[in-house]
Amino acid sequence: MTIESHDGSSSDLDVLNGATVVLGVTGGIAAYKSVELLRRLMDLGAYVIPVLTESALRFVGAATFSALASETAKTSLFDLTDPILHTRLGQQADLIVVAPATARLIGEYAHGISRDLLTTTLIATVAPVVLCPAMHTEMWNHVSIQENMETLRRRGVFVVEPERGRLAGGDIGEGRLAAVDVILEACARSLAPKRDLAGKNVVISAGGTREAIDPVRFIANHSSGKQGYALAEDARRRGAQVTLVTTVDRPSLPGIETVSVDSAQQLFEAVLRLADQADIVVMAAAVADFRPVATATQKLKKRAGIPEIILEPTPDTLAELGRRRRPGQVIVGFAAETEDVIANGARKLKDKRVDLIVVNDVSQEGAGFHSDLNAVVILGQNDRRIDVGLGPKSTIAHAVFDEVVSLIGKH
């Protein structure tokens, strides 16, 4: 049995060695984390120029950044020693990363407002930009922020999604600045994006299906769709034409066709129709195994007593994909398990006749359905096994498609 590890680190970050990085820091409580990001960038061999906004200086000191960086921290658009500083920085940068990126910065950047040195530099560059939002949950979810983020994504900005965790004031929710390792990985990818799926047609399913009991109630599972969306974004960045079949209501991904479904039957029909033209199919959706034989036309009332709900199997999309597969087509399945994880995954790999099964132990604390993190084992033919340690779902997606790419043209 071949056992490999994949943690999204090591040589992938070598591309940062020698790169000129403008590190933008805005006025959020997470600004203190940018000091660690700066230190790590320097350790990787990057030439780092910090640019701090006036608001950032209320949270962190310029002296700290100046002491650690390749150049002294820049804080003003009007520098008499360098009168066109924003142009120099914009032209010199191989990469601009903004961490944290506040709601104000996001709005100004999306609308081309050059208010200070950082926003002016962002507008004056053609280098890749990595944006790392951080703010309170209510702000992050506001329609104006999401519309601005959509605009920036559409323009090709690399966005490192905020994580769920403890926020200022003791609240818990989405909006926490992503971990430094995740930001570094995004920086590396922005400098050396893979285009190894260019010309390929990829179909990906996401979310959990809902099987109606009556017009109000349904049988469902805990799938959030986050892993499927991460897979779709990674495939798009690699140059693929991507269609996402999804059951969840999440913001659409730029450059990706989205097909909305609800039940296992609808997903079965949509995926099989699209698979006819697909080079790669990834079944990341958590599909219900059973559904009610009959769906009540009216809401079931408590006063009528406990209803008898008879179940029947749903169509097995993954097995049908394996049965219908064309020569050269790569098919990937997912298996969410709670016990005998590897054995159950290996059995599914064989029974469904697919190339890869991505197995995750959903009983593991801190990972799985609703979490932004996951830890999986990718099982392939001939006892191939790749352990992907606990990390963001974008890292899982990258590891999955690395394996997919290695299979293209082999069968």
Protein backbone atom coordinates (compact mmCIF):
# COMPACT_ATOMS: atom_id res chain seq x y z
CA MET A 1 0.00 0.00 0.00
CA THR A 2 1.36 3.40 -1.01
CA ILE A 3 0.93 6.03 1.73
CA GLU A 4 1.60 9.69 1.04
CA SER A 5 0.90 12.86 2.96
CA HIS A 6 -0.38 16.18 1.64
CA ASP A 7 -0.66 19.23 3.86
CA GLY A 8 -0.52 22.03 1.28
CA SER A 9 2.81 23.34 2.57
CA SER A 10 6.53 22.78 1.87
CA SER A 11 7.61 23.27 -1.73
CA ASP A 12 4.29 24.85 -2.77
CA LEU A 13 5.40 27.99 -0.92
CA ASP A 14 8.80 28.18 -2.62
CA VAL A 15 7.30 30.48 -5.25
CA LEU A 16 7.28 33.22 -2.59
CA ASN A 17 11.08 33.10 -2.32
CA GLY A 18 12.36 36.28 -3.98
CA ALA A 19 8.87 37.68 -4.68
CA THR A 20 8.18 41.32 -3.90
CA VAL A 21 5.08 41.41 -1.72
CA VAL A 22 3.19 44.54 -0.71
CA LEU A 23 1.46 43.72 2.58
CA GLY A 24 -1.58 45.94 3.09
CA VAL A 25 -2.90 46.28 6.64
CA THR A 26 -6.21 47.99 7.41
CA GLY A 27 -7.92 49.11 10.59
CA GLY A 28 -9.42 45.98 12.10
CA ILE A 29 -8.76 44.18 15.35
CA ALA A 30 -7.15 41.35 13.36
CA ALA A 31 -4.35 43.71 12.29
CA TYR A 32 -2.10 42.24 14.98
CA LYS A 33 -2.11 38.92 13.08
CA SER A 34 -0.49 40.64 10.12
CA VAL A 35 2.75 40.83 12.09
CA GLU A 36 2.94 37.03 12.05
CA LEU A 37 2.05 36.98 8.35
CA LEU A 38 4.88 39.44 7.69
CA ARG A 39 7.35 37.33 9.65
CA ARG A 40 6.38 34.17 7.77
CA LEU A 41 6.65 35.89 4.39
CA MET A 42 10.14 37.08 5.31
CA ASP A 43 11.11 33.58 6.48
CA LEU A 44 10.04 32.25 3.07
CA GLY A 45 12.40 34.68 1.34
CA ALA A 46 9.88 37.29 0.16
CA TYR A 47 10.80 40.97 -0.11
CA VAL A 48 8.00 42.55 1.93
CA ILE A 49 6.89 46.17 1.88
CA PRO A 50 4.22 46.96 4.50
CA VAL A 51 1.55 49.56 3.71
CA LEU A 52 -0.56 50.55 6.71
CA THR A 53 -3.70 52.67 6.54
CA GLU A 54 -4.33 55.49 9.00
CA SER A 55 -6.93 53.33 10.73
CA ALA A 56 -4.50 50.41 10.99
CA LEU A 57 -2.17 52.60 13.04
CA ARG A 58 -4.85 52.74 15.73
CA PHE A 59 -4.40 48.99 16.22
CA VAL A 60 -0.73 48.32 15.41
CA GLY A 61 2.46 50.34 15.27
CA ALA A 62 4.42 51.14 12.13
CA ALA A 63 7.68 50.58 14.03
CA THR A 64 6.91 46.87 14.48
CA PHE A 65 6.38 46.36 10.76
CA SER A 66 9.41 48.47 9.86
CA ALA A 67 11.63 46.41 12.15
CA LEU A 68 10.56 43.10 10.57
CA ALA A 69 10.06 44.01 6.90
CA SER A 70 12.39 44.56 3.95
CA GLU A 71 11.52 48.27 3.85
CA THR A 72 10.13 50.68 6.40
CA ALA A 73 6.36 50.68 6.71
CA LYS A 74 4.59 53.09 4.33
CA THR A 75 1.72 55.04 5.84
CA SER A 76 1.10 58.09 3.65
CA LEU A 77 0.31 58.75 0.02
CA PHE A 78 2.23 62.03 0.28
CA ASP A 79 5.83 60.96 0.82
CA LEU A 80 8.15 63.82 -0.13
CA THR A 81 11.07 61.42 -0.65
CA ASP A 82 9.03 59.34 -3.12
CA PRO A 83 6.31 61.52 -4.68
CA ILE A 84 4.85 58.72 -6.82
CA LEU A 85 5.11 55.99 -4.18
CA HIS A 86 1.83 54.31 -5.16
CA THR A 87 3.01 53.90 -8.75
CA ARG A 88 6.36 52.48 -7.67
CA LEU A 89 4.73 50.00 -5.32
CA GLY A 90 2.12 48.99 -7.87
CA GLN A 91 4.74 48.37 -10.54
CA GLN A 92 7.29 46.76 -8.23
CA ALA A 93 4.91 44.30 -6.59
CA ASP A 94 4.75 40.69 -7.71
CA LEU A 95 1.84 40.31 -5.31
CA ILE A 96 -0.32 42.47 -3.05
CA VAL A 97 -1.94 40.83 -0.05
CA VAL A 98 -4.34 42.75 2.19
CA ALA A 99 -4.80 41.21 5.63
CA PRO A 100 -7.05 42.14 7.24
CA ALA A 101 -9.29 43.70 4.61
CA THR A 102 -12.06 45.71 6.26
CA ALA A 103 -15.49 46.52 4.88
CA ARG A 104 -14.27 50.03 4.06
CA LEU A 105 -11.27 48.83 2.06
CA ILE A 106 -13.39 46.28 0.19
CA GLY A 107 -15.96 48.93 -0.76
CA GLU A 108 -13.36 51.44 -1.91
CA TYR A 109 -11.42 48.86 -3.92
CA ALA A 110 -14.57 47.51 -5.58
CA HIS A 111 -15.60 51.00 -6.66
CA GLY A 112 -12.16 52.29 -7.66
CA ILE A 113 -11.93 54.92 -4.91
CA SER A 114 -8.30 55.90 -4.31
CA ARG A 115 -8.50 57.42 -0.85
CA ASP A 116 -5.08 56.57 0.59
CA LEU A 117 -1.78 54.89 -0.26
CA LEU A 118 -3.15 51.34 -0.06
CA THR A 119 -6.23 51.85 -2.23
CA THR A 120 -4.20 53.90 -4.72
CA THR A 121 -1.57 51.16 -4.92
CA LEU A 122 -4.25 48.52 -5.47
CA ILE A 123 -5.65 50.50 -8.38
CA ALA A 124 -2.17 51.17 -9.78
CA THR A 125 -1.08 47.53 -10.04
CA VAL A 126 -1.55 44.65 -12.47
CA ALA A 127 -0.06 42.18 -9.97
CA PRO A 128 -2.29 39.50 -8.43
CA VAL A 129 -4.16 40.64 -5.34
CA VAL A 130 -5.03 38.41 -2.38
CA LEU A 131 -7.79 39.87 -0.21
CA CYS A 132 -8.36 38.51 3.31
CA PRO A 133 -11.61 39.94 4.73
CA ALA A 134 -12.11 40.17 8.49
CA MET A 135 -15.10 41.75 10.21
CA HIS A 136 -18.08 40.96 12.39
CA THR A 137 -20.55 38.36 11.11
CA GLU A 138 -23.36 40.84 10.50
CA MET A 139 -21.07 43.05 8.41
CA TRP A 140 -19.69 40.12 6.41
CA ASN A 141 -23.19 38.89 5.58
CA HIS A 142 -24.50 42.33 4.58
CA VAL A 143 -25.70 42.45 0.99
CA SER A 144 -23.43 45.39 0.12
CA ILE A 145 -20.32 43.54 1.26
CA GLN A 146 -21.29 40.39 -0.62
CA GLU A 147 -22.01 42.38 -3.79
CA ASN A 148 -18.62 44.10 -3.51
CA MET A 149 -16.92 40.75 -2.96
CA GLU A 150 -18.67 39.35 -6.03
CA THR A 151 -17.40 42.30 -8.07
CA LEU A 152 -13.82 41.74 -6.91
CA ARG A 153 -13.93 37.99 -7.51
CA ARG A 154 -15.25 38.62 -11.00
CA ARG A 155 -12.25 40.85 -11.66
CA GLY A 156 -9.88 38.05 -10.68
CA VAL A 157 -9.05 39.03 -7.10
CA PHE A 158 -8.08 36.03 -4.97
CA VAL A 159 -10.32 36.01 -1.89
CA VAL A 160 -9.38 34.12 1.26
CA GLU A 161 -12.74 33.54 2.93
CA PRO A 162 -12.97 34.47 6.61
CA GLU A 163 -13.29 31.65 9.10
CA ARG A 164 -15.83 30.95 11.80
CA GLY A 165 -14.52 31.55 15.30
CA ARG A 166 -14.20 33.99 18.18
CA LEU A 167 -14.60 37.62 17.16
CA ALA A 168 -14.06 40.94 18.91
CA GLY A 169 -16.34 41.39 21.90
CA GLY A 170 -16.54 37.66 22.55
CA ASP A 171 -19.01 36.84 19.77
CA ILE A 172 -18.72 33.61 17.78
CA GLY A 173 -19.41 33.54 14.04
CA GLU A 174 -18.09 33.96 10.51
CA GLY A 175 -15.75 36.87 9.90
CA ARG A 176 -12.55 35.84 11.66
CA LEU A 177 -9.37 36.43 9.63
CA ALA A 178 -8.17 33.21 8.00
CA ALA A 179 -5.19 31.44 9.49
CA VAL A 180 -1.74 32.56 8.35
CA ASP A 181 -1.04 29.18 6.70
CA VAL A 182 -4.20 29.51 4.62
CA ILE A 183 -3.26 33.04 3.55
CA LEU A 184 0.25 31.94 2.58
CA GLU A 185 -1.16 29.10 0.49
CA ALA A 186 -3.42 31.55 -1.36
CA CYS A 187 -0.45 33.87 -1.96
CA ALA A 188 1.54 31.00 -3.45
CA ARG A 189 -1.32 29.94 -5.70
CA SER A 190 -1.89 33.47 -6.93
CA LEU A 191 1.72 33.63 -8.09
CA ALA A 192 1.79 30.19 -9.70
CA PRO A 193 -1.77 29.18 -10.60
CA LYS A 194 -2.02 25.74 -12.12
CA ARG A 195 -3.72 25.48 -15.51
CA ASP A 196 -3.58 21.70 -15.67
CA LEU A 197 -7.34 21.35 -16.28
CA ALA A 198 -7.51 23.78 -19.20
CA GLY A 199 -9.94 22.49 -21.81
CA LYS A 200 -11.54 19.98 -19.44
CA ASN A 201 -15.25 19.86 -18.65
CA VAL A 202 -15.80 19.25 -14.92
CA VAL A 203 -19.12 18.50 -13.17
CA ILE A 204 -19.23 18.79 -9.37
CA SER A 205 -22.12 18.18 -6.98
CA ALA A 206 -22.45 19.92 -3.62
CA GLY A 207 -24.71 20.03 -0.59
CA GLY A 208 -27.16 17.58 0.92
CA THR A 209 -30.38 16.46 -0.75
CA ARG A 210 -33.81 16.94 0.82
CA GLU A 211 -36.50 14.29 0.50
CA ALA A 212 -39.99 15.66 1.10
CA ILE A 213 -42.30 14.13 3.71
CA ASP A 214 -44.98 16.78 3.21
CA PRO A 215 -44.94 20.39 1.90
CA VAL A 216 -43.19 21.52 5.11
CA ARG A 217 -40.95 18.68 6.32
CA PHE A 218 -38.18 16.70 4.70
CA ILE A 219 -35.44 14.15 5.36
CA ALA A 220 -32.01 15.79 5.09
CA ASN A 221 -28.43 15.72 6.39
CA HIS A 222 -25.87 18.18 7.74
CA SER A 223 -24.00 18.90 4.50
CA SER A 224 -23.23 22.61 4.05
CA GLY A 225 -21.90 22.38 0.49
CA LYS A 226 -18.66 24.11 1.48
CA GLN A 227 -16.44 21.30 0.22
CA GLY A 228 -18.22 21.10 -3.13
CA TYR A 229 -17.89 24.85 -3.63
CA ALA A 230 -14.18 24.70 -2.75
CA LEU A 231 -13.74 21.95 -5.35
CA ALA A 232 -15.54 24.02 -7.99
CA GLU A 233 -13.36 27.05 -7.33
CA ASP A 234 -10.15 25.02 -7.47
CA ALA A 235 -11.17 23.41 -10.77
CA ARG A 236 -12.00 26.81 -12.26
CA ARG A 237 -8.62 28.23 -11.22
CA ARG A 238 -6.95 25.29 -12.93
CA GLY A 239 -8.61 26.32 -16.17
CA ALA A 240 -11.56 23.90 -16.32
CA GLN A 241 -15.05 24.63 -17.54
CA VAL A 242 -17.03 23.92 -14.38
CA THR A 243 -20.69 23.13 -13.77
CA LEU A 244 -21.81 22.96 -10.13
CA VAL A 245 -24.95 20.99 -9.28
CA THR A 246 -25.93 22.22 -5.83
CA THR A 247 -28.68 21.91 -3.26
CA VAL A 248 -27.53 24.83 -1.10
CA ASP A 249 -28.18 28.55 -1.39
CA ARG A 250 -24.67 30.00 -1.31
CA PRO A 251 -23.28 32.98 -3.25
CA SER A 252 -22.61 31.99 -6.85
CA LEU A 253 -19.01 31.53 -7.95
CA PRO A 254 -17.82 33.67 -10.87
CA GLY A 255 -17.15 31.79 -14.07
CA ILE A 256 -18.99 28.69 -12.87
CA GLU A 257 -22.35 27.53 -14.20
CA THR A 258 -24.70 26.61 -11.35
CA VAL A 259 -27.59 24.14 -11.54
CA SER A 260 -29.89 24.16 -8.50
CA VAL A 261 -31.56 20.93 -7.39
CA ASP A 262 -33.31 19.76 -4.25
CA SER A 263 -33.91 16.01 -4.10
CA ALA A 264 -31.80 12.94 -4.86
CA GLN A 265 -33.91 12.30 -7.96
CA GLN A 266 -33.31 15.81 -9.30
CA LEU A 267 -29.59 15.54 -8.61
CA PHE A 268 -29.47 12.12 -10.30
CA GLU A 269 -31.09 13.47 -13.45
CA ALA A 270 -29.00 16.67 -13.58
CA VAL A 271 -25.63 15.02 -12.96
CA LEU A 272 -26.19 12.18 -15.43
CA ARG A 273 -27.33 14.61 -18.13
CA LEU A 274 -24.22 16.75 -17.64
CA ALA A 275 -21.89 13.75 -17.26
CA ASP A 276 -22.44 12.81 -20.89
CA GLN A 277 -20.12 15.67 -21.90
CA ALA A 278 -17.89 15.74 -18.80
CA ASP A 279 -14.26 14.71 -18.64
CA ILE A 280 -14.36 14.66 -14.83
CA VAL A 281 -17.26 14.17 -12.42
CA VAL A 282 -16.84 14.79 -8.67
CA MET A 283 -19.73 13.67 -6.47
CA ALA A 284 -19.16 15.71 -3.32
CA ALA A 285 -22.87 16.03 -2.51
CA ALA A 286 -24.25 14.10 0.45
CA VAL A 287 -27.11 12.27 -1.25
CA ALA A 288 -29.90 10.77 0.87
CA ASP A 289 -29.98 6.98 0.69
CA PHE A 290 -33.74 6.81 1.35
CA ARG A 291 -36.88 8.83 0.63
CA PRO A 292 -40.55 8.48 1.56
CA VAL A 293 -42.50 6.25 -0.83
CA ALA A 294 -45.34 8.77 -0.74
CA THR A 295 -45.26 12.51 -0.05
CA ALA A 296 -48.28 13.99 1.71
CA THR A 297 -49.97 16.76 -0.28
CA GLN A 298 -50.88 18.66 2.90
CA LYS A 299 -48.95 19.28 6.09
CA LEU A 300 -49.21 16.31 8.44
CA LYS A 301 -50.99 17.36 11.64
CA LYS A 302 -50.01 16.24 15.11
CA ARG A 303 -53.62 15.70 16.05
CA ALA A 304 -53.87 12.96 13.41
CA GLY A 305 -51.36 10.88 15.35
CA ILE A 306 -47.90 9.60 14.52
CA PRO A 307 -47.71 9.04 10.75
CA GLU A 308 -46.27 5.89 9.25
CA ILE A 309 -43.50 6.87 6.84
CA ILE A 310 -42.39 4.07 4.54
CA LEU A 311 -39.02 4.58 2.90
CA GLU A 312 -37.55 3.41 -0.39
CA PRO A 313 -34.01 3.70 -1.82
CA THR A 314 -33.07 6.80 -3.80
CA PRO A 315 -31.31 6.40 -7.16
CA ASP A 316 -27.57 5.75 -6.74
CA THR A 317 -25.96 8.49 -8.81
CA LEU A 318 -22.36 7.46 -8.16
CA ALA A 319 -22.98 3.81 -9.05
CA GLU A 320 -24.75 4.82 -12.24
CA LEU A 321 -21.85 7.11 -13.17
CA GLY A 322 -19.48 4.18 -12.68
CA ARG A 323 -21.65 1.95 -14.82
CA ARG A 324 -21.97 4.48 -17.66
CA ARG A 325 -18.45 5.88 -17.60
CA ARG A 326 -16.77 6.56 -20.92
CA PRO A 327 -13.14 5.65 -21.68
CA GLY A 328 -10.90 8.35 -20.25
CA GLN A 329 -13.56 9.81 -17.96
CA VAL A 330 -12.44 10.32 -14.33
CA ILE A 331 -15.03 9.84 -11.59
CA VAL A 332 -14.56 10.80 -7.93
CA GLY A 333 -16.87 9.94 -5.05
CA PHE A 334 -17.04 11.07 -1.43
CA ALA A 335 -17.79 8.94 1.62
CA ALA A 336 -18.75 10.46 4.97
CA GLU A 337 -18.17 7.77 7.59
CA THR A 338 -18.35 7.45 11.37
CA GLU A 339 -16.70 4.03 11.86
CA ASP A 340 -14.37 1.70 9.95
CA VAL A 341 -13.65 4.72 7.78
CA ILE A 342 -10.96 3.28 5.52
CA ALA A 343 -12.58 -0.13 5.12
CA ASN A 344 -15.95 1.39 4.23
CA GLY A 345 -14.31 3.79 1.82
CA ALA A 346 -12.37 1.01 0.09
CA ARG A 347 -15.56 -1.02 -0.26
CA LYS A 348 -17.32 1.95 -1.84
CA LEU A 349 -14.40 2.48 -4.25
CA LYS A 350 -14.76 -1.09 -5.48
CA ASP A 351 -18.56 -1.31 -5.50
CA LYS A 352 -19.12 1.97 -7.35
CA ARG A 353 -16.35 1.33 -9.92
CA VAL A 354 -14.87 4.83 -9.65
CA ASP A 355 -11.31 6.16 -9.72
CA LEU A 356 -11.11 7.86 -6.33
CA ILE A 357 -13.06 7.91 -3.08
CA VAL A 358 -12.48 10.81 -0.69
CA VAL A 359 -13.22 9.52 2.79
CA ASN A 360 -13.76 11.72 5.81
CA ASP A 361 -14.55 10.80 9.39
CA VAL A 362 -17.45 13.13 10.19
CA SER A 363 -17.29 12.16 13.86
CA GLN A 364 -13.93 13.94 14.16
CA GLU A 365 -14.22 17.10 16.24
CA GLY A 366 -13.50 20.38 14.44
CA ALA A 367 -13.94 19.00 10.92
CA GLY A 368 -16.70 17.87 8.61
CA PHE A 369 -20.01 19.23 7.41
CA HIS A 370 -20.41 22.74 8.86
CA SER A 371 -16.76 23.37 9.61
CA ASP A 372 -14.42 25.29 7.31
CA LEU A 373 -11.90 22.52 7.98
CA ASN A 374 -11.72 18.91 6.94
CA ALA A 375 -9.37 15.95 7.14
CA VAL A 376 -9.67 13.21 4.52
CA VAL A 377 -8.05 10.14 3.07
CA ILE A 378 -8.10 9.81 -0.72
CA LEU A 379 -8.31 6.19 -1.82
CA GLY A 380 -7.41 5.11 -5.34
CA GLN A 381 -6.89 1.97 -7.35
CA ASN A 382 -4.09 -0.50 -6.54
CA ASP A 383 -4.25 0.36 -2.82
CA ARG A 384 -3.20 3.96 -3.40
CA ARG A 385 -3.81 6.11 -0.34
CA ILE A 386 -3.18 9.82 0.25
CA ASP A 387 -3.69 11.20 3.75
CA VAL A 388 -4.67 14.87 3.74
CA GLY A 389 -4.36 16.24 7.25
CA LEU A 390 -6.71 18.69 8.95
CA GLY A 391 -6.87 21.90 6.96
CA PRO A 392 -9.18 24.27 5.12
CA LYS A 393 -11.51 22.75 2.55
CA SER A 394 -9.64 24.62 -0.19
CA THR A 395 -6.58 22.50 0.67
CA ILE A 396 -8.68 19.34 0.47
CA ALA A 397 -9.98 20.44 -2.95
CA HIS A 398 -6.46 21.10 -4.20
CA ALA A 399 -5.28 17.66 -3.09
CA VAL A 400 -8.25 15.97 -4.78
CA PHE A 401 -7.61 17.65 -8.12
CA ASP A 402 -3.89 16.95 -7.88
CA GLU A 403 -4.88 13.28 -7.85
CA VAL A 404 -7.40 13.74 -10.64
CA VAL A 405 -4.79 15.39 -12.85
CA SER A 406 -2.42 12.48 -12.28
CA LEU A 407 -5.13 10.10 -13.59
CA ILE A 408 -6.02 11.96 -16.78
CA GLY A 409 -5.07 9.95 -19.85
CA LYS A 410 -4.16 6.82 -17.86
CA HIS A 411 -7.37 4.91 -18.63
